[in-house]
C-alpha atoms as a PDB file:
ATOM      1  CA  MET A   1      69.547  80.715 -35.585  1.00  0.00           C
ATOM      2  CA  GLY A   2      70.233  79.983 -31.898  1.00  0.00           C
ATOM      3  CA  PHE A   3      71.283  76.560 -30.693  1.00  0.00           C
ATOM      4  CA  LEU A   4      67.898  75.767 -29.126  1.00  0.00           C
ATOM      5  CA  SER A   5      66.105  76.553 -32.395  1.00  0.00           C
ATOM      6  CA  PHE A   6      68.616  74.464 -34.307  1.00  0.00           C
ATOM      7  CA  GLN A   7      68.206  71.610 -31.841  1.00  0.00           C
ATOM      8  CA  ASN A   8      64.400  71.624 -32.080  1.00  0.00           C
ATOM      9  CA  LYS A   9      64.537  71.503 -35.872  1.00  0.00           C
ATOM     10  CA  TRP A  10      67.242  68.841 -35.760  1.00  0.00           C
ATOM     11  CA  TYR A  11      65.120  66.618 -33.502  1.00  0.00           C
ATOM     12  CA  GLN A  12      62.141  66.983 -35.823  1.00  0.00           C
ATOM     13  CA  GLN A  13      64.275  65.809 -38.728  1.00  0.00           C
ATOM     14  CA  LEU A  14      65.645  62.979 -36.586  1.00  0.00           C
ATOM     15  CA  HIS A  15      62.101  61.839 -35.817  1.00  0.00           C
ATOM     16  CA  GLN A  16      61.327  61.747 -39.528  1.00  0.00           C
ATOM     17  CA  LEU A  17      64.420  59.622 -40.161  1.00  0.00           C
ATOM     18  CA  VAL A  18      63.455  57.220 -37.370  1.00  0.00           C
ATOM     19  CA  GLN A  19      59.971  56.806 -38.856  1.00  0.00           C
ATOM     20  CA  LYS A  20      61.526  55.938 -42.213  1.00  0.00           C
ATOM     21  CA  LEU A  21      63.809  53.412 -40.543  1.00  0.00           C
ATOM     22  CA  LYS A  22      60.847  51.783 -38.784  1.00  0.00           C
ATOM     23  CA  LYS A  23      58.945  51.430 -42.066  1.00  0.00           C
ATOM     24  CA  THR A  24      61.757  49.823 -44.035  1.00  0.00           C
ATOM     25  CA  PRO A  25      61.194  46.113 -44.842  1.00  0.00           C
ATOM     26  CA  ARG A  26      63.172  43.870 -42.493  1.00  0.00           C
ATOM     27  CA  PRO A  27      64.636  41.445 -43.244  1.00  0.00           C
ATOM     28  CA  PRO A  28      65.496  42.820 -46.697  1.00  0.00           C
ATOM     29  CA  THR A  29      64.385  40.506 -49.497  1.00  0.00           C
ATOM     30  CA  SER A  30      66.415  42.034 -52.306  1.00  0.00           C
ATOM     31  CA  ASP A  31      69.641  43.904 -52.947  1.00  0.00           C
ATOM     32  CA  LYS A  32      67.585  47.050 -53.481  1.00  0.00           C
ATOM     33  CA  GLU A  33      65.985  46.791 -50.038  1.00  0.00           C
ATOM     34  CA  ASN A  34      69.369  46.050 -48.474  1.00  0.00           C
ATOM     35  CA  ASP A  35      70.890  49.103 -50.182  1.00  0.00           C
ATOM     36  CA  ASN A  36      67.965  51.189 -48.932  1.00  0.00           C
ATOM     37  CA  LEU A  37      68.683  50.128 -45.335  1.00  0.00           C
ATOM     38  CA  THR A  38      72.320  51.100 -45.800  1.00  0.00           C
ATOM     39  CA  GLU A  39      71.399  54.480 -47.280  1.00  0.00           C
ATOM     40  CA  LEU A  40      68.961  55.330 -44.480  1.00  0.00           C
ATOM     41  CA  ALA A  41      71.470  54.296 -41.817  1.00  0.00           C
ATOM     42  CA  GLN A  42      74.112  56.543 -43.389  1.00  0.00           C
ATOM     43  CA  LYS A  43      71.647  59.450 -43.475  1.00  0.00           C
ATOM     44  CA  PHE A  44      70.986  58.874 -39.775  1.00  0.00           C
ATOM     45  CA  LEU A  45      74.705  58.927 -38.960  1.00  0.00           C
ATOM     46  CA  SER A  46      75.264  62.001 -41.144  1.00  0.00           C
ATOM     47  CA  HIS A  47      72.436  63.755 -39.310  1.00  0.00           C
ATOM     48  CA  LEU A  48      74.134  63.002 -35.977  1.00  0.00           C
ATOM     49  CA  SER A  49      77.445  64.233 -37.367  1.00  0.00           C
ATOM     50  CA  ASP A  50      75.802  67.545 -38.324  1.00  0.00           C
ATOM     51  CA  TYR A  51      74.609  67.948 -34.743  1.00  0.00           C
ATOM     52  CA  TYR A  52      78.057  67.416 -33.290  1.00  0.00           C
ATOM     53  CA  ARG A  53      79.570  69.806 -35.805  1.00  0.00           C
ATOM     54  CA  VAL A  54      77.299  72.584 -34.507  1.00  0.00           C
ATOM     55  CA  LYS A  55      77.943  71.512 -30.912  1.00  0.00           C
ATOM     56  CA  ALA A  56      81.693  71.765 -31.495  1.00  0.00           C
ATOM     57  CA  ALA A  57      81.326  75.405 -32.477  1.00  0.00           C
ATOM     58  CA  LEU A  58      79.193  76.123 -29.407  1.00  0.00           C
ATOM     59  CA  ALA A  59      81.670  74.291 -27.144  1.00  0.00           C
ATOM     60  CA  HIS A  60      84.252  76.836 -28.248  1.00  0.00           C
ATOM     61  CA  GLN A  61      81.905  79.783 -27.626  1.00  0.00           C
ATOM     62  CA  ASP A  62      79.974  78.762 -24.487  1.00  0.00           C
ATOM     63  CA  VAL A  63      80.879  75.346 -23.135  1.00  0.00           C
ATOM     64  CA  LEU A  64      79.187  75.997 -19.784  1.00  0.00           C
ATOM     65  CA  PHE A  65      75.838  76.424 -21.566  1.00  0.00           C
ATOM     66  CA  LEU A  66      76.319  73.014 -23.205  1.00  0.00           C
ATOM     67  CA  LEU A  67      77.171  71.393 -19.909  1.00  0.00           C
ATOM     68  CA  ALA A  68      74.185  72.994 -18.166  1.00  0.00           C
ATOM     69  CA  ALA A  69      71.866  71.758 -20.971  1.00  0.00           C
ATOM     70  CA  PRO A  70      68.749  73.680 -19.795  1.00  0.00           C
ATOM     71  CA  TRP A  71      66.632  71.774 -22.338  1.00  0.00           C
ATOM     72  CA  ASN A  72      67.103  68.479 -20.484  1.00  0.00           C
ATOM     73  CA  THR A  73      64.928  67.077 -17.746  1.00  0.00           C
ATOM     74  CA  LYS A  74      66.466  66.516 -14.327  1.00  0.00           C
ATOM     75  CA  PHE A  75      66.644  62.766 -14.959  1.00  0.00           C
ATOM     76  CA  GLU A  76      68.319  63.234 -18.345  1.00  0.00           C
ATOM     77  CA  GLY A  77      70.814  65.551 -16.716  1.00  0.00           C
ATOM     78  CA  SER A  78      71.761  62.835 -14.212  1.00  0.00           C
ATOM     79  CA  LEU A  79      72.692  60.521 -17.096  1.00  0.00           C
ATOM     80  CA  ARG A  80      74.830  62.973 -19.058  1.00  0.00           C
ATOM     81  CA  TRP A  81      78.527  62.435 -19.618  1.00  0.00           C
ATOM     82  CA  LEU A  82      80.553  65.352 -21.012  1.00  0.00           C
ATOM     83  CA  ALA A  83      77.449  67.107 -22.366  1.00  0.00           C
ATOM     84  CA  GLY A  84      75.960  64.004 -23.957  1.00  0.00           C
ATOM     85  CA  TRP A  85      75.417  60.278 -23.765  1.00  0.00           C
ATOM     86  CA  ARG A  86      78.172  57.897 -22.688  1.00  0.00           C
ATOM     87  CA  PRO A  87      79.697  56.237 -25.783  1.00  0.00           C
ATOM     88  CA  SER A  88      79.707  52.766 -24.199  1.00  0.00           C
ATOM     89  CA  THR A  89      75.896  52.983 -24.126  1.00  0.00           C
ATOM     90  CA  VAL A  90      76.089  51.829 -27.757  1.00  0.00           C
ATOM     91  CA  PHE A  91      77.058  48.341 -26.625  1.00  0.00           C
ATOM     92  CA  GLN A  92      74.441  48.209 -23.887  1.00  0.00           C
ATOM     93  CA  VAL A  93      71.729  48.945 -26.458  1.00  0.00           C
ATOM     94  CA  ILE A  94      73.080  46.407 -28.959  1.00  0.00           C
ATOM     95  CA  HIS A  95      73.440  43.584 -26.438  1.00  0.00           C
ATOM     96  CA  THR A  96      70.125  44.285 -24.690  1.00  0.00           C
ATOM     97  CA  GLN A  97      68.185  44.281 -27.962  1.00  0.00           C
ATOM     98  CA  SER A  98      70.125  41.243 -29.160  1.00  0.00           C
ATOM     99  CA  ASN A  99      69.191  39.276 -26.025  1.00  0.00           C
ATOM    100  CA  ILE A 100      65.517  40.285 -26.275  1.00  0.00           C
ATOM    101  CA  LEU A 101      65.243  39.230 -29.915  1.00  0.00           C
ATOM    102  CA  PHE A 102      67.188  36.019 -29.350  1.00  0.00           C
ATOM    103  CA  GLU A 103      64.934  34.969 -26.470  1.00  0.00           C
ATOM    104  CA  ASN A 104      61.812  35.817 -28.468  1.00  0.00           C
ATOM    105  CA  TYR A 105      62.466  33.233 -31.154  1.00  0.00           C
ATOM    106  CA  LEU A 106      64.816  30.785 -29.414  1.00  0.00           C
ATOM    107  CA  PHE A 107      62.300  27.945 -29.515  1.00  0.00           C
ATOM    108  CA  ASP A 108      61.441  28.695 -33.145  1.00  0.00           C
ATOM    109  CA  MET A 109      65.121  28.422 -33.998  1.00  0.00           C
ATOM    110  CA  LEU A 110      65.358  25.070 -32.205  1.00  0.00           C
ATOM    111  CA  ASP A 111      62.480  23.885 -34.401  1.00  0.00           C
ATOM    112  CA  GLY A 112      64.471  24.789 -37.501  1.00  0.00           C
ATOM    113  CA  ALA A 113      62.883  28.145 -38.324  1.00  0.00           C
ATOM    114  CA  VAL A 114      64.875  30.387 -40.678  1.00  0.00           C
ATOM    115  CA  GLN A 115      66.836  33.095 -38.894  1.00  0.00           C
ATOM    116  CA  THR A 116      65.881  36.656 -39.808  1.00  0.00           C
ATOM    117  CA  GLY A 117      69.366  38.186 -39.646  1.00  0.00           C
ATOM    118  CA  ASP A 118      68.439  40.823 -37.054  1.00  0.00           C
ATOM    119  CA  LEU A 119      70.321  41.779 -33.887  1.00  0.00           C
ATOM    120  CA  GLY A 120      69.261  38.501 -32.334  1.00  0.00           C
ATOM    121  CA  ASN A 121      71.520  36.757 -34.852  1.00  0.00           C
ATOM    122  CA  LEU A 122      74.865  38.286 -33.935  1.00  0.00           C
ATOM    123  CA  SER A 123      77.617  35.891 -34.923  1.00  0.00           C
ATOM    124  CA  PRO A 124      80.414  34.823 -32.524  1.00  0.00           C
ATOM    125  CA  ASP A 125      82.845  36.927 -34.580  1.00  0.00           C
ATOM    126  CA  GLN A 126      80.581  39.966 -34.321  1.00  0.00           C
ATOM    127  CA  MET A 127      80.263  39.463 -30.558  1.00  0.00           C
ATOM    128  CA  LYS A 128      84.038  39.278 -30.174  1.00  0.00           C
ATOM    129  CA  CYS A 129      84.673  42.384 -32.277  1.00  0.00           C
ATOM    130  CA  LEU A 130      81.971  44.326 -30.436  1.00  0.00           C
ATOM    131  CA  GLY A 131      83.479  43.227 -27.117  1.00  0.00           C
ATOM    132  CA  ASP A 132      86.936  44.400 -28.180  1.00  0.00           C
ATOM    133  CA  LEU A 133      85.514  47.738 -29.326  1.00  0.00           C
ATOM    134  CA  HIS A 134      83.620  48.069 -26.042  1.00  0.00           C
ATOM    135  CA  CYS A 135      86.870  47.650 -24.092  1.00  0.00           C
ATOM    136  CA  GLN A 136      88.633  50.183 -26.302  1.00  0.00           C
ATOM    137  CA  THR A 137      85.801  52.691 -25.910  1.00  0.00           C
ATOM    138  CA  THR A 138      85.711  52.279 -22.134  1.00  0.00           C
ATOM    139  CA  GLY A 139      89.449  52.949 -22.020  1.00  0.00           C
ATOM    140  CA  GLU A 140      89.020  56.152 -24.025  1.00  0.00           C
ATOM    141  CA  GLU A 141      86.146  57.223 -21.765  1.00  0.00           C
ATOM    142  CA  ASN A 142      88.426  56.745 -18.764  1.00  0.00           C
ATOM    143  CA  ASP A 143      91.142  58.831 -20.436  1.00  0.00           C
ATOM    144  CA  LEU A 144      88.661  61.685 -20.916  1.00  0.00           C
ATOM    145  CA  ASN A 145      87.492  61.301 -17.307  1.00  0.00           C
ATOM    146  CA  ASP A 146      91.115  61.728 -16.221  1.00  0.00           C
ATOM    147  CA  GLN A 147      91.476  64.831 -18.404  1.00  0.00           C
ATOM    148  CA  LEU A 148      88.323  66.274 -16.863  1.00  0.00           C
ATOM    149  CA  ALA A 149      89.593  65.537 -13.358  1.00  0.00           C
ATOM    150  CA  ASP A 150      92.865  67.321 -14.163  1.00  0.00           C
ATOM    151  CA  TRP A 151      90.881  70.274 -15.505  1.00  0.00           C
ATOM    152  CA  GLN A 152      88.767  70.394 -12.339  1.00  0.00           C
ATOM    153  CA  ASP A 153      91.925  70.512 -10.220  1.00  0.00           C
ATOM    154  CA  VAL A 154      93.021  73.580 -12.153  1.00  0.00           C
ATOM    155  CA  ALA A 155      89.525  75.094 -12.101  1.00  0.00           C
ATOM    156  CA  SER A 156      89.385  74.806  -8.309  1.00  0.00           C
ATOM    157  CA  ASP A 157      92.108  77.461  -8.251  1.00  0.00           C
ATOM    158  CA  MET A 158      90.198  79.744 -10.612  1.00  0.00           C
ATOM    159  CA  MET A 159      89.677  82.349  -7.901  1.00  0.00           C
ATOM    160  CA  LEU A 160      93.434  82.791  -7.864  1.00  0.00           C
ATOM    161  CA  LEU A 161      93.561  83.630 -11.554  1.00  0.00           C
ATOM    162  CA  ARG A 162      94.218  87.303 -12.045  1.00  0.00           C
ATOM    163  CA  HIS A 163      93.983  87.575 -15.812  1.00  0.00           C
ATOM    164  CA  GLU A 164      90.919  87.166 -17.983  1.00  0.00           C
ATOM    165  CA  ASP A 165      93.103  85.424 -20.549  1.00  0.00           C
ATOM    166  CA  ASP A 166      93.776  82.660 -18.016  1.00  0.00           C
ATOM    167  CA  LYS A 167      90.054  82.079 -17.550  1.00  0.00           C
ATOM    168  CA  GLU A 168      89.463  82.035 -21.288  1.00  0.00           C
ATOM    169  CA  GLU A 169      92.200  79.460 -21.716  1.00  0.00           C
ATOM    170  CA  LEU A 170      90.618  77.342 -18.998  1.00  0.00           C
ATOM    171  CA  MET A 171      87.249  77.427 -20.778  1.00  0.00           C
ATOM    172  CA  ASP A 172      88.931  76.574 -24.073  1.00  0.00           C
ATOM    173  CA  ASP A 173      90.498  73.527 -22.437  1.00  0.00           C
ATOM    174  CA  LEU A 174      87.109  72.424 -21.116  1.00  0.00           C
ATOM    175  CA  GLY A 175      85.571  72.943 -24.549  1.00  0.00           C
ATOM    176  CA  THR A 176      88.278  70.728 -26.055  1.00  0.00           C
ATOM    177  CA  ILE A 177      87.444  67.922 -23.617  1.00  0.00           C
ATOM    178  CA  VAL A 178      83.725  68.182 -24.477  1.00  0.00           C
ATOM    179  CA  ARG A 179      84.483  68.125 -28.216  1.00  0.00           C
ATOM    180  CA  ARG A 180      86.625  65.021 -27.723  1.00  0.00           C
ATOM    181  CA  GLY A 181      83.669  63.413 -25.977  1.00  0.00           C
ATOM    182  CA  ASP A 182      81.496  64.085 -29.018  1.00  0.00           C
ATOM    183  CA  GLU A 183      84.221  62.773 -31.312  1.00  0.00           C
ATOM    184  CA  LEU A 184      84.315  59.553 -29.286  1.00  0.00           C
ATOM    185  CA  ARG A 185      80.521  59.249 -29.538  1.00  0.00           C
ATOM    186  CA  MET A 186      80.574  59.450 -33.342  1.00  0.00           C
ATOM    187  CA  GLN A 187      83.696  57.309 -33.627  1.00  0.00           C
ATOM    188  CA  THR A 188      82.091  54.594 -31.510  1.00  0.00           C
ATOM    189  CA  LEU A 189      78.858  54.682 -33.489  1.00  0.00           C
ATOM    190  CA  ARG A 190      80.595  54.429 -36.846  1.00  0.00           C
ATOM    191  CA  LYS A 191      82.897  51.608 -35.749  1.00  0.00           C
ATOM    192  CA  ALA A 192      80.031  49.672 -34.159  1.00  0.00           C
ATOM    193  CA  VAL A 193      77.765  49.784 -37.210  1.00  0.00           C
ATOM    194  CA  GLN A 194      80.667  48.676 -39.402  1.00  0.00           C
ATOM    195  CA  LEU A 195      80.489  45.403 -37.464  1.00  0.00           C
ATOM    196  CA  LEU A 196      76.751  45.012 -38.120  1.00  0.00           C
ATOM    197  CA  THR A 197      74.745  44.142 -41.206  1.00  0.00           C
ATOM    198  CA  PRO A 198      72.446  46.857 -42.627  1.00  0.00           C
ATOM    199  CA  HIS A 199      69.464  45.040 -41.067  1.00  0.00           C
ATOM    200  CA  GLN A 200      71.153  44.897 -37.657  1.00  0.00           C
ATOM    201  CA  THR A 201      72.260  48.531 -37.947  1.00  0.00           C
ATOM    202  CA  VAL A 202      68.684  49.688 -38.483  1.00  0.00           C
ATOM    203  CA  ASP A 203      67.510  47.552 -35.554  1.00  0.00           C
ATOM    204  CA  PHE A 204      70.128  49.214 -33.380  1.00  0.00           C
ATOM    205  CA  LEU A 205      69.417  52.781 -34.503  1.00  0.00           C
ATOM    206  CA  VAL A 206      65.660  52.356 -33.974  1.00  0.00           C
ATOM    207  CA  SER A 207      66.248  50.844 -30.514  1.00  0.00           C
ATOM    208  CA  ALA A 208      68.604  53.680 -29.561  1.00  0.00           C
ATOM    209  CA  ALA A 209      66.094  56.304 -30.718  1.00  0.00           C
ATOM    210  CA  GLN A 210      63.304  54.604 -28.762  1.00  0.00           C
ATOM    211  CA  LEU A 211      65.472  54.494 -25.634  1.00  0.00           C
ATOM    212  CA  HIS A 212      66.155  58.229 -25.960  1.00  0.00           C
ATOM    213  CA  SER A 213      62.414  58.936 -26.313  1.00  0.00           C
ATOM    214  CA  LEU A 214      61.554  56.807 -23.277  1.00  0.00           C
ATOM    215  CA  VAL A 215      64.212  58.461 -21.111  1.00  0.00           C
ATOM    216  CA  SER A 216      63.023  61.921 -22.175  1.00  0.00           C
ATOM    217  CA  ALA A 217      59.343  61.094 -21.583  1.00  0.00           C
ATOM    218  CA  TRP A 218      60.033  59.548 -18.190  1.00  0.00           C
ATOM    219  CA  GLY A 219      62.141  62.554 -17.220  1.00  0.00           C
ATOM    220  CA  GLU A 220      59.361  64.959 -18.186  1.00  0.00           C
ATOM    221  CA  LYS A 221      56.880  62.928 -16.140  1.00  0.00           C
ATOM    222  CA  ARG A 222      59.173  63.061 -13.124  1.00  0.00           C
ATOM    223  CA  ASP A 223      59.726  66.803 -13.476  1.00  0.00           C
ATOM    224  CA  ILE A 224      55.977  67.417 -13.617  1.00  0.00           C
ATOM    225  CA  ALA A 225      55.446  65.232 -10.540  1.00  0.00           C
ATOM    226  CA  ASP A 226      58.191  67.131  -8.726  1.00  0.00           C
ATOM    227  CA  GLY A 227      56.701  70.478  -9.741  1.00  0.00           C
ATOM    228  CA  ILE A 228      59.718  71.539 -11.778  1.00  0.00           C
ATOM    229  CA  ASP A 229      59.013  74.380 -14.217  1.00  0.00           C
ATOM    230  CA  GLU A 230      60.800  74.006 -17.553  1.00  0.00           C
END
C-alpha cells in the first residue's frame, strides 16, 4: 500500500477516534469514565505514533516526497515545519483553549460555581511545567533548524558532487533531520499530556484535531478560489 493510501485510511481512523473523544462524558463522574478518557487518549497517541513510524521509513526512502507533501493545500504547505506541524504548536493550542474556557465561565466561578476540571482549570503548577516544557521544545526546534541550515549549506554545493554515493548520503542526512522532527513532535505531545488530567488531555486532543480540520478546510477553499488544481 502506497503512502497516500495509507494516509487516507489513517485519517479516516483518526476521525473515528476524534468522534469517540467528543462523545465521552466530560467531566468524568466515575473512575470508569476517567479510565475511559485515559484509554481513548492513549489510543489517539498510539495512532499518531503509527503514522510517524511509517513516515520514518518513507523519510529514508524518499524524503523529498515527504517535504513536497503534494496532498497538502498551499496554505497548509506554508505552515509546515520539517514535513509536519511545529511541536511548539502544542502549547499554543493548550493555552488558547484554556483562555477561551476560563473566560467563558469566569463570572460563574466568581459566584462559587463548581469548576469542571477542563483546560480552563489549569493549576499554577501545570502552567509552570507547561511553560518549562515549551522553552525546552523551542530550544530543540532551534537545534533542528540549525541542523537544517547546515545541511542546506552542504546541499548548495550539490552540483559539485561527482559521486552518486555523496548525493545518497546527503539525502540520508536530510531524512534523519526530518525523522528527528517527528520524534520531537511525539515527544512533546507525550510530555505535555503527562502534565494534564485525562479530562484536559481529551479537551486538548479534540481542540488540536478541530484546528487541523479548520486549517485544511480553509486551505482547500483558498486553493479553489485561486484556481489551483489538486
